[in-house]
C-alpha atoms as a PDB file:
ATOM      1  CA  MET A   1     -34.602  29.313 -41.159  1.00  0.00           C
ATOM      2  CA  ARG A   2     -35.301  32.984 -41.877  1.00  0.00           C
ATOM      3  CA  ARG A   3     -38.392  34.428 -40.181  1.00  0.00           C
ATOM      4  CA  ASN A   4     -40.251  37.120 -42.071  1.00  0.00           C
ATOM      5  CA  LYS A   5     -41.554  40.063 -40.082  1.00  0.00           C
ATOM      6  CA  LEU A   6     -45.289  40.001 -39.447  1.00  0.00           C
ATOM      7  CA  SER A   7     -47.203  42.608 -41.398  1.00  0.00           C
ATOM      8  CA  PHE A   8     -50.655  44.060 -40.598  1.00  0.00           C
ATOM      9  CA  THR A   9     -52.551  46.900 -42.224  1.00  0.00           C
ATOM     10  CA  LYS A  10     -54.088  49.622 -40.057  1.00  0.00           C
ATOM     11  CA  GLU A  11     -57.513  47.964 -40.332  1.00  0.00           C
ATOM     12  CA  GLN A  12     -56.068  44.541 -39.478  1.00  0.00           C
ATOM     13  CA  LYS A  13     -54.330  45.979 -36.400  1.00  0.00           C
ATOM     14  CA  GLN A  14     -57.680  47.281 -35.168  1.00  0.00           C
ATOM     15  CA  LEU A  15     -59.307  43.888 -35.699  1.00  0.00           C
ATOM     16  CA  LEU A  16     -56.410  42.198 -33.927  1.00  0.00           C
ATOM     17  CA  LYS A  17     -56.787  44.604 -31.011  1.00  0.00           C
ATOM     18  CA  SER A  18     -60.458  43.636 -30.736  1.00  0.00           C
ATOM     19  CA  ARG A  19     -59.525  39.963 -30.880  1.00  0.00           C
ATOM     20  CA  LEU A  20     -57.138  40.444 -27.971  1.00  0.00           C
ATOM     21  CA  THR A  21     -59.943  41.833 -25.805  1.00  0.00           C
ATOM     22  CA  ARG A  22     -62.379  38.970 -26.382  1.00  0.00           C
ATOM     23  CA  VAL A  23     -64.314  37.745 -23.367  1.00  0.00           C
ATOM     24  CA  PHE A  24     -65.845  34.360 -22.629  1.00  0.00           C
ATOM     25  CA  LEU A  25     -69.630  34.604 -22.587  1.00  0.00           C
ATOM     26  CA  LYS A  26     -71.118  32.624 -19.711  1.00  0.00           C
ATOM     27  CA  SER A  27     -74.133  31.356 -21.608  1.00  0.00           C
ATOM     28  CA  TYR A  28     -74.763  28.549 -19.113  1.00  0.00           C
ATOM     29  CA  ASP A  29     -74.031  27.776 -15.474  1.00  0.00           C
ATOM     30  CA  GLU A  30     -70.481  26.469 -15.011  1.00  0.00           C
ATOM     31  CA  LYS A  31     -71.661  23.234 -13.388  1.00  0.00           C
ATOM     32  CA  TYR A  32     -73.958  22.564 -16.353  1.00  0.00           C
ATOM     33  CA  VAL A  33     -71.080  22.955 -18.827  1.00  0.00           C
ATOM     34  CA  ILE A  34     -68.733  20.786 -16.748  1.00  0.00           C
ATOM     35  CA  ASN A  35     -71.400  18.075 -16.536  1.00  0.00           C
ATOM     36  CA  LYS A  36     -71.825  18.179 -20.321  1.00  0.00           C
ATOM     37  CA  ILE A  37     -68.077  17.796 -20.804  1.00  0.00           C
ATOM     38  CA  GLU A  38     -67.778  14.947 -18.311  1.00  0.00           C
ATOM     39  CA  GLY A  39     -70.776  13.210 -19.918  1.00  0.00           C
ATOM     40  CA  ALA A  40     -69.383  13.246 -23.474  1.00  0.00           C
ATOM     41  CA  ASN A  41     -69.397   9.736 -24.949  1.00  0.00           C
ATOM     42  CA  ASN A  42     -66.694  10.206 -27.568  1.00  0.00           C
ATOM     43  CA  ILE A  43     -64.142  12.695 -28.901  1.00  0.00           C
ATOM     44  CA  THR A  44     -66.461  14.001 -31.613  1.00  0.00           C
ATOM     45  CA  GLU A  45     -69.146  14.811 -29.041  1.00  0.00           C
ATOM     46  CA  LEU A  46     -66.560  16.485 -26.817  1.00  0.00           C
ATOM     47  CA  GLU A  47     -65.323  18.640 -29.708  1.00  0.00           C
ATOM     48  CA  GLN A  48     -68.911  19.692 -30.424  1.00  0.00           C
ATOM     49  CA  ILE A  49     -69.394  20.715 -26.781  1.00  0.00           C
ATOM     50  CA  VAL A  50     -66.160  22.710 -26.854  1.00  0.00           C
ATOM     51  CA  MET A  51     -67.064  24.574 -30.025  1.00  0.00           C
ATOM     52  CA  SER A  52     -70.738  25.146 -29.201  1.00  0.00           C
ATOM     53  CA  ASN A  53     -69.779  26.697 -25.848  1.00  0.00           C
ATOM     54  CA  ASP A  54     -67.025  28.831 -27.431  1.00  0.00           C
ATOM     55  CA  ILE A  55     -64.367  27.433 -25.100  1.00  0.00           C
ATOM     56  CA  CYS A  56     -61.730  27.950 -27.799  1.00  0.00           C
ATOM     57  CA  ASP A  57     -61.536  28.714 -31.524  1.00  0.00           C
ATOM     58  CA  TYR A  58     -60.462  25.257 -32.624  1.00  0.00           C
ATOM     59  CA  CYS A  59     -59.681  21.930 -30.982  1.00  0.00           C
ATOM     60  CA  SER A  60     -58.214  18.616 -32.032  1.00  0.00           C
ATOM     61  CA  PHE A  61     -57.622  15.736 -29.616  1.00  0.00           C
ATOM     62  CA  ALA A  62     -55.820  13.452 -32.093  1.00  0.00           C
ATOM     63  CA  GLY A  63     -54.340  10.498 -30.203  1.00  0.00           C
ATOM     64  CA  LEU A  64     -55.681  11.565 -26.794  1.00  0.00           C
ATOM     65  CA  HIS A  65     -57.863   9.279 -24.715  1.00  0.00           C
ATOM     66  CA  LEU A  66     -61.342  10.727 -24.161  1.00  0.00           C
ATOM     67  CA  GLU A  67     -60.950  10.935 -20.370  1.00  0.00           C
ATOM     68  CA  VAL A  68     -57.664  12.833 -20.702  1.00  0.00           C
ATOM     69  CA  ALA A  69     -59.212  15.262 -23.188  1.00  0.00           C
ATOM     70  CA  LYS A  70     -62.035  15.836 -20.673  1.00  0.00           C
ATOM     71  CA  ILE A  71     -59.485  16.767 -17.986  1.00  0.00           C
ATOM     72  CA  LEU A  72     -57.989  19.387 -20.301  1.00  0.00           C
ATOM     73  CA  ILE A  73     -61.357  20.885 -21.236  1.00  0.00           C
ATOM     74  CA  CYS A  74     -62.725  20.855 -17.693  1.00  0.00           C
ATOM     75  CA  GLY A  75     -59.591  22.702 -16.580  1.00  0.00           C
ATOM     76  CA  ALA A  76     -60.015  25.239 -19.381  1.00  0.00           C
ATOM     77  CA  THR A  77     -63.671  25.763 -18.475  1.00  0.00           C
ATOM     78  CA  ARG A  78     -62.958  26.395 -14.800  1.00  0.00           C
ATOM     79  CA  VAL A  79     -60.306  28.965 -15.695  1.00  0.00           C
ATOM     80  CA  LEU A  80     -62.649  30.654 -18.206  1.00  0.00           C
ATOM     81  CA  TYR A  81     -65.385  31.076 -15.599  1.00  0.00           C
ATOM     82  CA  LEU A  82     -62.889  32.644 -13.191  1.00  0.00           C
ATOM     83  CA  PHE A  83     -61.126  34.830 -15.758  1.00  0.00           C
ATOM     84  CA  PRO A  84     -63.369  35.286 -18.827  1.00  0.00           C
ATOM     85  CA  ARG A  85     -60.817  37.498 -20.615  1.00  0.00           C
ATOM     86  CA  ILE A  86     -58.496  34.516 -20.955  1.00  0.00           C
ATOM     87  CA  ARG A  87     -60.727  33.543 -23.881  1.00  0.00           C
ATOM     88  CA  SER A  88     -58.705  35.969 -26.006  1.00  0.00           C
ATOM     89  CA  ARG A  89     -55.631  33.743 -25.547  1.00  0.00           C
ATOM     90  CA  MET A  90     -57.441  30.394 -25.643  1.00  0.00           C
ATOM     91  CA  CYS A  91     -57.308  29.817 -29.394  1.00  0.00           C
ATOM     92  CA  PHE A  92     -56.487  26.099 -29.556  1.00  0.00           C
ATOM     93  CA  LEU A  93     -56.885  23.194 -27.121  1.00  0.00           C
ATOM     94  CA  GLY A  94     -55.968  19.585 -27.755  1.00  0.00           C
ATOM     95  CA  SER A  95     -53.068  17.229 -28.378  1.00  0.00           C
ATOM     96  CA  VAL A  96     -49.597  17.935 -29.725  1.00  0.00           C
ATOM     97  CA  SER A  97     -50.429  15.946 -32.865  1.00  0.00           C
ATOM     98  CA  GLY A  98     -53.696  17.817 -33.270  1.00  0.00           C
ATOM     99  CA  TYR A  99     -51.903  21.165 -32.945  1.00  0.00           C
ATOM    100  CA  ARG A 100     -49.143  20.143 -35.339  1.00  0.00           C
ATOM    101  CA  ASN A 101     -51.626  18.902 -37.938  1.00  0.00           C
ATOM    102  CA  THR A 102     -53.663  22.095 -37.573  1.00  0.00           C
ATOM    103  CA  MET A 103     -50.596  24.269 -38.190  1.00  0.00           C
ATOM    104  CA  ARG A 104     -49.650  22.143 -41.207  1.00  0.00           C
ATOM    105  CA  SER A 105     -53.137  22.635 -42.619  1.00  0.00           C
ATOM    106  CA  LEU A 106     -52.843  26.386 -42.065  1.00  0.00           C
ATOM    107  CA  CYS A 107     -49.541  26.397 -43.964  1.00  0.00           C
ATOM    108  CA  LEU A 108     -51.634  25.077 -46.859  1.00  0.00           C
ATOM    109  CA  LEU A 109     -54.239  27.797 -46.190  1.00  0.00           C
ATOM    110  CA  ASP A 110     -57.066  25.458 -45.211  1.00  0.00           C
ATOM    111  CA  ARG A 111     -59.996  27.873 -45.480  1.00  0.00           C
ATOM    112  CA  ASP A 112     -62.257  25.944 -43.112  1.00  0.00           C
ATOM    113  CA  ILE A 113     -59.706  26.118 -40.277  1.00  0.00           C
ATOM    114  CA  ILE A 114     -58.965  29.790 -41.026  1.00  0.00           C
ATOM    115  CA  GLU A 115     -62.687  30.525 -40.630  1.00  0.00           C
ATOM    116  CA  LYS A 116     -62.823  28.632 -37.330  1.00  0.00           C
ATOM    117  CA  PHE A 117     -59.915  30.669 -35.969  1.00  0.00           C
ATOM    118  CA  LYS A 118     -61.822  33.778 -37.116  1.00  0.00           C
ATOM    119  CA  ILE A 119     -58.729  35.379 -38.638  1.00  0.00           C
ATOM    120  CA  ARG A 120     -59.693  35.727 -42.321  1.00  0.00           C
ATOM    121  CA  ASP A 121     -59.963  39.524 -42.059  1.00  0.00           C
ATOM    122  CA  ILE A 122     -57.062  39.907 -39.631  1.00  0.00           C
ATOM    123  CA  CYS A 123     -54.235  38.020 -41.332  1.00  0.00           C
ATOM    124  CA  SER A 124     -53.069  37.930 -44.929  1.00  0.00           C
ATOM    125  CA  ASP A 125     -52.240  34.536 -46.406  1.00  0.00           C
ATOM    126  CA  ASP A 126     -48.532  35.292 -45.982  1.00  0.00           C
ATOM    127  CA  THR A 127     -49.000  36.132 -42.291  1.00  0.00           C
ATOM    128  CA  ILE A 128     -50.964  32.931 -41.664  1.00  0.00           C
ATOM    129  CA  ILE A 129     -48.274  30.826 -43.336  1.00  0.00           C
ATOM    130  CA  ASN A 130     -45.553  32.713 -41.456  1.00  0.00           C
ATOM    131  CA  LEU A 131     -47.193  32.236 -38.047  1.00  0.00           C
ATOM    132  CA  ALA A 132     -48.110  28.591 -38.656  1.00  0.00           C
ATOM    133  CA  SER A 133     -44.575  27.845 -39.863  1.00  0.00           C
ATOM    134  CA  ARG A 134     -43.056  29.491 -36.777  1.00  0.00           C
ATOM    135  CA  THR A 135     -45.393  27.526 -34.535  1.00  0.00           C
ATOM    136  CA  LEU A 136     -44.355  24.261 -36.177  1.00  0.00           C
ATOM    137  CA  ILE A 137     -40.746  25.138 -35.339  1.00  0.00           C
ATOM    138  CA  PHE A 138     -41.744  25.793 -31.698  1.00  0.00           C
ATOM    139  CA  ILE A 139     -43.493  22.420 -31.552  1.00  0.00           C
ATOM    140  CA  ASP A 140     -40.595  20.552 -33.136  1.00  0.00           C
ATOM    141  CA  ASN A 141     -38.146  22.155 -30.690  1.00  0.00           C
ATOM    142  CA  THR A 142     -40.182  21.093 -27.644  1.00  0.00           C
ATOM    143  CA  GLU A 143     -38.785  17.959 -26.034  1.00  0.00           C
ATOM    144  CA  TYR A 144     -41.948  15.890 -25.856  1.00  0.00           C
ATOM    145  CA  ASP A 145     -40.133  12.570 -26.228  1.00  0.00           C
ATOM    146  CA  ASN A 146     -36.912  13.250 -24.325  1.00  0.00           C
ATOM    147  CA  SER A 147     -36.779  10.754 -21.457  1.00  0.00           C
ATOM    148  CA  ASP A 148     -34.494  13.050 -19.430  1.00  0.00           C
ATOM    149  CA  ALA A 149     -36.608  16.192 -19.835  1.00  0.00           C
ATOM    150  CA  ASN A 150     -39.971  15.025 -21.076  1.00  0.00           C
ATOM    151  CA  ILE A 151     -42.672  17.684 -21.451  1.00  0.00           C
ATOM    152  CA  THR A 152     -46.228  16.474 -20.913  1.00  0.00           C
ATOM    153  CA  ALA A 153     -48.069  19.755 -21.463  1.00  0.00           C
ATOM    154  CA  GLU A 154     -47.191  23.087 -23.016  1.00  0.00           C
ATOM    155  CA  ALA A 155     -48.648  26.556 -23.459  1.00  0.00           C
ATOM    156  CA  TYR A 156     -47.838  28.375 -26.690  1.00  0.00           C
ATOM    157  CA  PRO A 157     -48.138  32.176 -27.043  1.00  0.00           C
ATOM    158  CA  VAL A 158     -48.682  33.015 -30.722  1.00  0.00           C
ATOM    159  CA  HIS A 159     -49.716  36.682 -30.808  1.00  0.00           C
ATOM    160  CA  GLY A 160     -53.251  35.898 -29.610  1.00  0.00           C
ATOM    161  CA  ILE A 161     -53.907  34.217 -32.972  1.00  0.00           C
ATOM    162  CA  PHE A 162     -52.877  30.584 -32.482  1.00  0.00           C
ATOM    163  CA  ASP A 163     -52.242  30.532 -28.705  1.00  0.00           C
ATOM    164  CA  ALA A 164     -52.663  27.018 -27.342  1.00  0.00           C
ATOM    165  CA  VAL A 165     -52.499  24.610 -24.433  1.00  0.00           C
ATOM    166  CA  VAL A 166     -51.660  21.102 -25.564  1.00  0.00           C
ATOM    167  CA  LEU A 167     -51.062  17.679 -24.032  1.00  0.00           C
ATOM    168  CA  ASP A 168     -48.582  15.162 -25.410  1.00  0.00           C
ATOM    169  CA  GLU A 169     -50.696  12.161 -26.366  1.00  0.00           C
ATOM    170  CA  GLY A 170     -47.592   9.947 -26.087  1.00  0.00           C
ATOM    171  CA  ASP A 171     -47.647  10.354 -22.296  1.00  0.00           C
ATOM    172  CA  PHE A 172     -51.199   9.079 -21.954  1.00  0.00           C
ATOM    173  CA  LYS A 173     -50.991   5.674 -23.600  1.00  0.00           C
ATOM    174  CA  GLY A 174     -50.666   2.351 -21.773  1.00  0.00           C
ATOM    175  CA  LEU A 175     -47.540   2.033 -19.651  1.00  0.00           C
ATOM    176  CA  ALA A 176     -46.506   5.599 -20.497  1.00  0.00           C
ATOM    177  CA  TYR A 177     -49.588   6.900 -18.673  1.00  0.00           C
ATOM    178  CA  ARG A 178     -48.821   4.761 -15.641  1.00  0.00           C
ATOM    179  CA  ARG A 179     -45.245   6.079 -15.647  1.00  0.00           C
ATOM    180  CA  LEU A 180     -46.574   9.640 -15.927  1.00  0.00           C
ATOM    181  CA  LEU A 181     -48.887   9.232 -12.928  1.00  0.00           C
ATOM    182  CA  ASN A 182     -46.053   7.719 -10.889  1.00  0.00           C
ATOM    183  CA  SER A 183     -43.774  10.550 -11.985  1.00  0.00           C
ATOM    184  CA  LEU A 184     -46.309  13.171 -10.895  1.00  0.00           C
ATOM    185  CA  LYS A 185     -46.605  11.577  -7.474  1.00  0.00           C
ATOM    186  CA  TYR A 186     -42.824  11.326  -7.156  1.00  0.00           C
ATOM    187  CA  SER A 187     -42.357  14.964  -8.242  1.00  0.00           C
ATOM    188  CA  HIS A 188     -44.912  16.014  -5.644  1.00  0.00           C
ATOM    189  CA  ALA A 189     -43.341  13.888  -2.895  1.00  0.00           C
ATOM    190  CA  THR A 190     -39.866  15.291  -3.585  1.00  0.00           C
ATOM    191  CA  GLY A 191     -41.042  18.894  -3.789  1.00  0.00           C
ATOM    192  CA  HIS A 192     -40.391  19.305  -7.492  1.00  0.00           C
ATOM    193  CA  HIS A 193     -44.008  20.457  -7.861  1.00  0.00           C
ATOM    194  CA  PRO A 194     -46.217  22.186  -5.249  1.00  0.00           C
ATOM    195  CA  VAL A 195     -48.347  20.711  -2.493  1.00  0.00           C
ATOM    196  CA  GLY A 196     -51.440  19.010  -3.912  1.00  0.00           C
ATOM    197  CA  CYS A 197     -50.117  19.101  -7.481  1.00  0.00           C
ATOM    198  CA  ASP A 198     -49.704  15.403  -8.145  1.00  0.00           C
ATOM    199  CA  SER A 199     -52.320  14.945 -10.879  1.00  0.00           C
ATOM    200  CA  VAL A 200     -52.898  15.674 -14.561  1.00  0.00           C
ATOM    201  CA  ILE A 201     -55.320  18.497 -13.765  1.00  0.00           C
ATOM    202  CA  SER A 202     -52.640  20.321 -11.749  1.00  0.00           C
ATOM    203  CA  THR A 203     -50.351  20.083 -14.796  1.00  0.00           C
ATOM    204  CA  VAL A 204     -53.149  21.538 -16.907  1.00  0.00           C
ATOM    205  CA  TYR A 205     -53.651  24.392 -14.434  1.00  0.00           C
ATOM    206  CA  HIS A 206     -49.931  25.151 -14.585  1.00  0.00           C
ATOM    207  CA  GLU A 207     -50.179  25.714 -18.361  1.00  0.00           C
ATOM    208  CA  PHE A 208     -53.267  27.899 -18.026  1.00  0.00           C
ATOM    209  CA  GLY A 209     -51.261  29.896 -15.492  1.00  0.00           C
ATOM    210  CA  HIS A 210     -48.857  30.637 -18.343  1.00  0.00           C
ATOM    211  CA  LEU A 211     -51.769  31.738 -20.548  1.00  0.00           C
ATOM    212  CA  LEU A 212     -52.918  34.149 -17.844  1.00  0.00           C
ATOM    213  CA  ASP A 213     -49.365  35.438 -17.612  1.00  0.00           C
ATOM    214  CA  PHE A 214     -49.387  36.036 -21.393  1.00  0.00           C
ATOM    215  CA  LEU A 215     -52.711  37.830 -21.024  1.00  0.00           C
ATOM    216  CA  ILE A 216     -51.802  40.388 -18.362  1.00  0.00           C
ATOM    217  CA  LYS A 217     -47.982  40.159 -18.496  1.00  0.00           C
ATOM    218  CA  LEU A 218     -47.950  39.437 -14.776  1.00  0.00           C
ATOM    219  CA  SER A 219     -44.364  38.135 -14.678  1.00  0.00           C
ATOM    220  CA  ASP A 220     -43.206  41.522 -16.035  1.00  0.00           C
ATOM    221  CA  ASN A 221     -45.130  43.468 -13.380  1.00  0.00           C
ATOM    222  CA  GLU A 222     -43.041  45.520 -10.964  1.00  0.00           C
ATOM    223  CA  GLU A 223     -44.932  44.399  -7.854  1.00  0.00           C
ATOM    224  CA  PHE A 224     -44.691  40.769  -8.934  1.00  0.00           C
ATOM    225  CA  LEU A 225     -40.963  40.986  -9.646  1.00  0.00           C
ATOM    226  CA  SER A 226     -40.332  42.696  -6.314  1.00  0.00           C
ATOM    227  CA  TYR A 227     -42.145  39.849  -4.540  1.00  0.00           C
ATOM    228  CA  TYR A 228     -40.344  37.194  -6.599  1.00  0.00           C
ATOM    229  CA  ASN A 229     -36.937  38.741  -5.930  1.00  0.00           C
ATOM    230  CA  SER A 230     -37.636  38.903  -2.195  1.00  0.00           C
ATOM    231  CA  PHE A 231     -37.088  35.133  -1.993  1.00  0.00           C
ATOM    232  CA  THR A 232     -33.932  33.102  -2.269  1.00  0.00           C
ATOM    233  CA  LYS A 233     -33.913  30.052  -4.515  1.00  0.00           C
ATOM    234  CA  GLU A 234     -33.968  27.857  -1.419  1.00  0.00           C
ATOM    235  CA  GLN A 235     -37.007  29.674   0.003  1.00  0.00           C
ATOM    236  CA  ILE A 236     -38.938  29.230  -3.241  1.00  0.00           C
ATOM    237  CA  GLU A 237     -38.072  25.533  -3.317  1.00  0.00           C
ATOM    238  CA  LYS A 238     -39.213  25.089   0.276  1.00  0.00           C
ATOM    239  CA  ASN A 239     -42.382  27.202   0.188  1.00  0.00           C
ATOM    240  CA  LEU A 240     -43.603  26.544  -3.357  1.00  0.00           C
ATOM    241  CA  SER A 241     -41.611  24.050  -5.424  1.00  0.00           C
ATOM    242  CA  LYS A 242     -38.206  23.300  -6.923  1.00  0.00           C
ATOM    243  CA  TYR A 243     -39.554  23.910 -10.412  1.00  0.00           C
ATOM    244  CA  ALA A 244     -40.920  27.302  -9.318  1.00  0.00           C
ATOM    245  CA  ALA A 245     -37.325  28.399  -8.676  1.00  0.00           C
ATOM    246  CA  THR A 246     -36.528  28.031 -12.408  1.00  0.00           C
ATOM    247  CA  ASN A 247     -37.597  31.575 -13.310  1.00  0.00           C
ATOM    248  CA  ALA A 248     -40.325  34.187 -12.693  1.00  0.00           C
ATOM    249  CA  LYS A 249     -42.763  32.695 -15.201  1.00  0.00           C
ATOM    250  CA  GLU A 250     -42.568  29.221 -13.649  1.00  0.00           C
ATOM    251  CA  PHE A 251     -42.829  30.790 -10.182  1.00  0.00           C
ATOM    252  CA  PHE A 252     -46.238  32.184 -11.099  1.00  0.00           C
ATOM    253  CA  ALA A 253     -47.466  29.117 -13.025  1.00  0.00           C
ATOM    254  CA  GLU A 254     -46.592  26.827 -10.108  1.00  0.00           C
ATOM    255  CA  ALA A 255     -48.345  29.145  -7.656  1.00  0.00           C
ATOM    256  CA  PHE A 256     -51.441  29.249  -9.865  1.00  0.00           C
ATOM    257  CA  SER A 257     -51.472  25.453 -10.069  1.00  0.00           C
ATOM    258  CA  GLU A 258     -51.209  25.147  -6.287  1.00  0.00           C
ATOM    259  CA  TYR A 259     -54.024  27.616  -5.688  1.00  0.00           C
ATOM    260  CA  MET A 260     -56.336  25.891  -8.181  1.00  0.00           C
ATOM    261  CA  SER A 261     -55.512  22.419  -6.843  1.00  0.00           C
ATOM    262  CA  ASN A 262     -55.855  23.005  -3.093  1.00  0.00           C
ATOM    263  CA  LYS A 263     -58.559  24.076  -0.667  1.00  0.00           C
ATOM    264  CA  LYS A 264     -55.869  25.560   1.575  1.00  0.00           C
ATOM    265  CA  PRO A 265     -53.030  26.896  -0.615  1.00  0.00           C
ATOM    266  CA  ARG A 266     -49.899  28.171   1.103  1.00  0.00           C
ATOM    267  CA  SER A 267     -48.881  31.814   1.482  1.00  0.00           C
ATOM    268  CA  ILE A 268     -46.983  32.310  -1.807  1.00  0.00           C
ATOM    269  CA  ALA A 269     -49.781  30.803  -3.888  1.00  0.00           C
ATOM    270  CA  THR A 270     -52.362  32.868  -2.004  1.00  0.00           C
ATOM    271  CA  TYR A 271     -50.391  36.110  -2.373  1.00  0.00           C
ATOM    272  CA  LEU A 272     -49.912  35.617  -6.119  1.00  0.00           C
ATOM    273  CA  TRP A 273     -53.564  34.687  -6.610  1.00  0.00           C
ATOM    274  CA  ASN A 274     -54.602  37.932  -4.907  1.00  0.00           C
ATOM    275  CA  LEU A 275     -52.121  39.862  -7.046  1.00  0.00           C
ATOM    276  CA  LEU A 276     -53.460  38.156 -10.174  1.00  0.00           C
ATOM    277  CA  GLU A 277     -57.035  39.141  -9.304  1.00  0.00           C
ATOM    278  CA  LYS A 278     -55.958  42.707  -8.536  1.00  0.00           C
ATOM    279  CA  LEU A 279     -54.064  43.167 -11.827  1.00  0.00           C
ATOM    280  CA  TYR A 280     -56.796  41.429 -13.787  1.00  0.00           C
ATOM    281  CA  GLN A 281     -59.437  43.790 -12.377  1.00  0.00           C
ATOM    282  CA  GLU A 282     -57.230  46.831 -12.964  1.00  0.00           C
ATOM    283  CA  LYS A 283     -56.763  45.890 -16.607  1.00  0.00           C
ATOM    284  CA  TYR A 284     -60.465  45.174 -17.154  1.00  0.00           C
ATOM    285  CA  LYS A 285     -62.056  47.875 -15.004  1.00  0.00           C
ATOM    286  CA  LYS A 286     -65.566  47.548 -16.424  1.00  0.00           C
ATOM    287  CA  GLY A 287     -65.970  44.136 -14.829  1.00  0.00           C
ATOM    288  CA  GLU A 288     -67.629  41.014 -16.163  1.00  0.00           C
ATOM    289  CA  LYS A 289     -70.895  39.261 -15.465  1.00  0.00           C
END
């Protein structure tokens, strides 16, 4: 399928630049927001909490159990309070089906959804269709239902316009959910994932680690790459996880997940967290309240 080149006018490029510097406004205490999320009685109420607190531009939890959706949103909220600039890459949160349906609606130029993404003045109709169509291809090429390489969660970088973290609702139903929980514990026990990362929330943190990487391009940073290349594959597997040895991006995402999931993270996770904070502060020198 041929992919048309994205096209923006000078004015649209300026608006896009502003969009990519958005910051999460801490209107309420973090604990208050988390309590509201955890107290939601149904998906509709949860979606209202998400939108009213500007946690993302648009959300759809189609097919996801309420408690699983809460895990995703609580994880997002904790990351937002730590790194408010991540809001610029937190465009969509929800289920794979919800994301797919949203992109299909955008291919049909659903004006209500375009307004919620706040892109009416940034993207032409052709650009919206182009981006949504590309994203549908990304989704369809992700192996959500492959028993040998099943993906439970995924982060999608879409130019800061439709960036998303999604959960595969198929993994959270009945026996599939039980198998997932057992798989997480097995992966943890065998070192496939880091210490303390044997739960759904640690999987969620891993994906938000990718979003942070998209935000500050950490895995392309010279200091990061020097640190990454200082380890052998075997050292990474032993001191972080087997999956972390896949590539530089997974190395960081696994370290971020370990740091967020543990009171006493190990040395690699701690080093990369400190590097993340340093690069984040350097990029956003004015600071945030």
